[in-house]
Amino acid sequence: MTPSGSLLAATALHKAYGPTPALDGADFSVHPGEIVAVMGPSGSGKSTLLHCLAGIVRPDSGTVRYGARNLSELSDARRSALRRGEFGFVFQFGRLVPELTCVENVALPLRLSGVKRKEAEERATGWLERLEVTDVRDKRPGEVSGGQGQRVAVARALVTTPRVIFADEPTGALDSLNGERVMELFTEAARATRAAVVLVTHEARVAAYSDREVIVRDGRARDMAGVS
């Protein structure tokens, strides 16, 4: 049963790679507008949990519900459409397309959804302005700093106004100063759009931007709300 008011919820997830269990009965939920930090040691199952929640990986058993929909019951095409339009992604290394300019990278999810180039790039420019990187608009990813590139990646994740944003170690490749600014801008923008955020991190200073922490250990998730 989906927890009351949850936008995205997982129940009793199991996932193994060969003989090695990555998830062993993990539960998780996030509400609209909530930022949840997923923490745990390396190899604990954090990234596997994120991939199952995002519909990238199908769990061996258990359910992931997005609203009234069971992601495991959706076709690959339907899950891909969700990831293009209603889900946004920020990775440790921005994964920008090197041949495209920064504005073209941000506009890409819109273009893939059929938005005309002019409108897509206008909307992309608005997000670059919001993330304070309009000066790199026409540069390619190889011509910008790591901090600038990650802000461009955040803009790309937000440009479709997604309902859920998945962020996997979004500041892991940045120094502390750039990391703090990226998190400030990211969380401010996410809260303004009421997006739910699933934030995988091993850094306490990054988790401090969340509303709630979930610890993943040995494939199970423990909600730290109310735990002293």
Protein backbone atom coordinates (compact mmCIF):
# COMPACT_ATOMS: atom_id res chain seq x y z
CA MET A 1 0.00 0.00 0.00
CA THR A 2 1.33 3.44 -0.93
CA PRO A 3 1.99 5.68 2.12
CA SER A 4 -0.68 8.39 2.41
CA GLY A 5 0.13 11.51 0.40
CA SER A 6 3.25 10.05 -1.23
CA LEU A 7 4.08 11.00 -4.79
CA LEU A 8 6.58 8.16 -5.21
CA ALA A 9 6.80 5.10 -3.00
CA ALA A 10 8.61 1.76 -2.97
CA THR A 11 7.53 -1.28 -0.98
CA ALA A 12 9.61 -4.38 -0.19
CA LEU A 13 12.06 -3.95 -3.05
CA HIS A 14 14.43 -6.82 -3.80
CA LYS A 15 17.11 -6.65 -6.45
CA ALA A 16 20.11 -8.91 -6.91
CA TYR A 17 22.97 -8.92 -9.38
CA GLY A 18 23.93 -12.55 -9.66
CA PRO A 19 24.32 -13.97 -6.14
CA THR A 20 24.78 -10.50 -4.63
CA PRO A 21 21.67 -8.78 -3.20
CA ALA A 22 21.65 -5.02 -3.78
CA LEU A 23 18.23 -4.44 -2.22
CA ASP A 24 16.73 -6.73 0.39
CA GLY A 25 13.22 -5.53 1.20
CA ALA A 26 13.76 -1.77 0.95
CA ASP A 27 10.86 0.64 1.53
CA PHE A 28 10.90 4.31 0.57
CA SER A 29 8.55 7.23 0.03
CA VAL A 30 8.73 10.92 -0.90
CA HIS A 31 6.00 13.55 -0.90
CA PRO A 32 5.48 16.45 -3.35
CA GLY A 33 7.88 19.27 -2.53
CA GLU A 34 9.93 17.11 -0.14
CA ILE A 35 13.71 16.60 -0.37
CA VAL A 36 14.84 13.22 0.94
CA ALA A 37 18.54 12.42 1.31
CA VAL A 38 19.47 8.77 0.76
CA MET A 39 22.70 7.96 2.60
CA GLY A 40 24.75 4.89 3.36
CA PRO A 41 28.16 3.28 2.85
CA SER A 42 29.51 2.37 -0.58
CA GLY A 43 27.81 -0.74 -1.92
CA SER A 44 24.81 -0.42 0.40
CA GLY A 45 22.26 -0.20 -2.41
CA LYS A 46 21.74 3.58 -2.63
CA SER A 47 22.15 3.89 -6.39
CA THR A 48 20.19 0.69 -7.06
CA LEU A 49 17.31 2.12 -5.01
CA LEU A 50 17.42 5.34 -7.04
CA HIS A 51 17.47 3.41 -10.33
CA CYS A 52 14.46 1.34 -9.27
CA LEU A 53 12.55 4.43 -8.14
CA ALA A 54 13.26 6.11 -11.48
CA GLY A 55 12.12 3.11 -13.50
CA ILE A 56 15.59 2.60 -14.98
CA VAL A 57 15.94 -0.82 -13.35
CA ARG A 58 13.09 -3.26 -12.66
CA PRO A 59 13.23 -4.78 -9.16
CA ASP A 60 13.14 -8.57 -8.87
CA SER A 61 10.16 -8.19 -6.54
CA GLY A 62 8.31 -5.45 -4.70
CA THR A 63 6.54 -2.41 -6.13
CA VAL A 64 7.37 1.17 -7.07
CA ARG A 65 4.33 3.42 -7.35
CA TYR A 66 4.32 6.86 -8.90
CA GLY A 67 0.94 8.30 -8.03
CA ALA A 68 -1.51 5.57 -8.99
CA ARG A 69 0.86 3.88 -11.42
CA ASN A 70 2.97 0.79 -10.77
CA LEU A 71 6.21 1.44 -12.67
CA SER A 72 6.90 -2.28 -13.11
CA GLU A 73 3.66 -2.65 -15.06
CA LEU A 74 4.48 0.14 -17.51
CA SER A 75 6.07 -0.59 -20.89
CA ASP A 76 9.62 0.51 -21.58
CA ALA A 77 8.22 3.27 -23.81
CA ARG A 78 5.93 4.58 -21.04
CA ARG A 79 8.73 4.56 -18.49
CA SER A 80 11.02 6.37 -20.95
CA ALA A 81 8.32 9.01 -21.46
CA LEU A 82 8.12 9.53 -17.70
CA ARG A 83 11.87 10.01 -17.51
CA ARG A 84 11.76 12.58 -20.31
CA GLY A 85 8.88 14.63 -18.98
CA GLU A 86 7.96 14.05 -15.33
CA PHE A 87 11.32 12.96 -13.92
CA GLY A 88 14.54 14.98 -13.91
CA PHE A 89 18.09 13.72 -13.32
CA VAL A 90 21.31 15.24 -11.96
CA PHE A 91 24.42 13.06 -11.84
CA GLN A 92 27.83 13.40 -10.18
CA PHE A 93 29.41 14.18 -13.53
CA GLY A 94 26.90 16.32 -15.42
CA ARG A 95 26.76 14.02 -18.47
CA LEU A 96 26.27 16.97 -20.78
CA VAL A 97 26.48 16.29 -24.52
CA PRO A 98 29.92 17.67 -25.49
CA GLU A 99 28.95 18.55 -29.07
CA LEU A 100 26.06 20.78 -27.96
CA THR A 101 26.24 24.24 -26.42
CA CYS A 102 25.07 24.68 -22.85
CA VAL A 103 21.73 26.15 -23.89
CA GLU A 104 21.23 23.28 -26.36
CA ASN A 105 21.98 20.80 -23.57
CA VAL A 106 19.39 22.37 -21.29
CA ALA A 107 16.84 22.52 -24.11
CA LEU A 108 17.43 18.88 -25.12
CA PRO A 109 14.70 17.27 -22.94
CA LEU A 110 12.17 19.72 -24.38
CA ARG A 111 13.30 19.08 -27.93
CA LEU A 112 12.99 15.32 -27.38
CA SER A 113 9.41 15.93 -26.25
CA GLY A 114 8.57 17.83 -29.44
CA VAL A 115 8.97 21.45 -28.32
CA LYS A 116 10.13 23.73 -31.13
CA ARG A 117 13.72 24.93 -30.96
CA LYS A 118 13.03 28.62 -30.34
CA GLU A 119 10.63 27.99 -27.46
CA ALA A 120 12.87 25.27 -26.00
CA GLU A 121 15.93 27.51 -26.00
CA GLU A 122 13.98 30.44 -24.53
CA ARG A 123 12.86 28.25 -21.65
CA ALA A 124 16.39 26.86 -21.30
CA THR A 125 17.85 30.38 -21.15
CA GLY A 126 15.42 31.23 -18.36
CA TRP A 127 16.73 28.32 -16.31
CA LEU A 128 20.34 29.21 -17.04
CA GLU A 129 19.58 32.68 -15.71
CA ARG A 130 17.96 31.22 -12.61
CA LEU A 131 21.04 29.06 -12.01
CA GLU A 132 23.32 32.10 -12.58
CA VAL A 133 25.14 30.75 -15.66
CA THR A 134 23.76 32.74 -18.59
CA ASP A 135 27.34 33.71 -19.46
CA VAL A 136 28.04 30.13 -20.59
CA ARG A 137 24.91 29.91 -22.73
CA ASP A 138 26.73 29.52 -26.05
CA LYS A 139 29.78 27.64 -24.78
CA ARG A 140 30.27 23.90 -25.01
CA PRO A 141 30.68 21.80 -21.83
CA GLY A 142 34.44 21.47 -22.37
CA GLU A 143 34.79 25.24 -22.19
CA VAL A 144 33.19 25.74 -18.75
CA SER A 145 34.27 25.02 -15.18
CA GLY A 146 33.02 22.03 -13.19
CA GLY A 147 30.75 24.21 -11.06
CA GLN A 148 29.28 25.92 -14.10
CA GLY A 149 28.76 22.61 -15.86
CA GLN A 150 26.92 21.16 -12.89
CA ARG A 151 24.62 24.19 -12.76
CA VAL A 152 23.87 23.63 -16.44
CA ALA A 153 23.06 20.00 -15.60
CA VAL A 154 20.69 21.16 -12.85
CA ALA A 155 19.01 23.54 -15.30
CA ARG A 156 18.55 20.64 -17.73
CA ALA A 157 16.94 18.55 -14.97
CA LEU A 158 14.52 21.35 -14.11
CA VAL A 159 13.61 22.65 -17.57
CA THR A 160 10.66 20.30 -18.03
CA THR A 161 9.30 21.25 -14.56
CA PRO A 162 9.48 17.61 -13.43
CA ARG A 163 7.47 16.30 -10.50
CA VAL A 164 10.42 14.22 -9.22
CA ILE A 165 14.14 14.97 -9.47
CA PHE A 166 16.71 12.23 -8.90
CA ALA A 167 20.13 13.55 -7.89
CA ASP A 168 22.98 11.03 -7.57
CA GLU A 169 25.97 12.58 -5.76
CA PRO A 170 25.31 15.95 -7.49
CA THR A 171 28.28 17.70 -5.85
CA GLY A 172 30.67 14.73 -5.68
CA ALA A 173 32.97 16.14 -8.36
CA LEU A 174 32.99 19.71 -7.01
CA ASP A 175 35.02 21.55 -4.39
CA SER A 176 33.17 22.55 -1.22
CA LEU A 177 32.50 26.15 -2.29
CA ASN A 178 31.05 25.23 -5.68
CA GLY A 179 29.19 22.31 -4.12
CA GLU A 180 27.48 24.56 -1.58
CA ARG A 181 26.37 27.04 -4.26
CA VAL A 182 25.05 24.30 -6.53
CA MET A 183 23.03 22.83 -3.64
CA GLU A 184 21.68 26.26 -2.65
CA LEU A 185 20.48 26.99 -6.18
CA PHE A 186 19.25 23.44 -6.80
CA THR A 187 17.17 23.14 -3.64
CA GLU A 188 15.82 26.68 -3.97
CA ALA A 189 14.63 25.96 -7.52
CA ALA A 190 13.21 22.55 -6.61
CA ARG A 191 11.22 23.97 -3.70
CA ALA A 192 9.90 26.79 -5.90
CA THR A 193 8.50 24.24 -8.37
CA ARG A 194 7.24 21.85 -5.65
CA ALA A 195 9.31 19.02 -7.11
CA ALA A 196 10.06 16.01 -4.94
CA VAL A 197 13.80 15.31 -4.74
CA VAL A 198 15.53 11.99 -4.12
CA LEU A 199 19.09 12.97 -3.24
CA VAL A 200 21.73 10.23 -3.03
CA THR A 201 24.81 11.43 -1.17
CA HIS A 202 27.47 10.31 1.28
CA GLU A 203 28.16 13.88 2.45
CA ALA A 204 26.49 15.21 5.61
CA ARG A 205 26.80 18.81 4.37
CA VAL A 206 24.78 17.91 1.27
CA ALA A 207 22.22 15.89 3.24
CA ALA A 208 21.72 18.97 5.44
CA TYR A 209 19.73 20.54 2.57
CA SER A 210 17.12 17.78 2.83
CA ASP A 211 13.93 17.58 4.88
CA ARG A 212 14.52 13.97 5.87
CA GLU A 213 17.27 11.35 5.74
CA VAL A 214 16.96 7.69 4.84
CA ILE A 215 19.89 5.39 5.60
CA VAL A 216 20.45 2.41 3.30
CA ARG A 217 22.49 -0.43 4.74
CA ASP A 218 22.67 -4.05 3.61
CA GLY A 219 19.93 -3.41 1.05
CA ARG A 220 17.40 -2.07 3.55
CA ALA A 221 16.26 1.52 4.08
CA ARG A 222 15.77 3.11 7.47
CA ASP A 223 13.92 6.43 7.79
CA MET A 224 15.80 8.62 10.27
CA ALA A 225 12.84 10.93 10.99
CA GLY A 226 12.33 10.97 14.73
CA VAL A 227 15.46 8.91 15.43
CA SER A 228 17.72 10.54 17.99
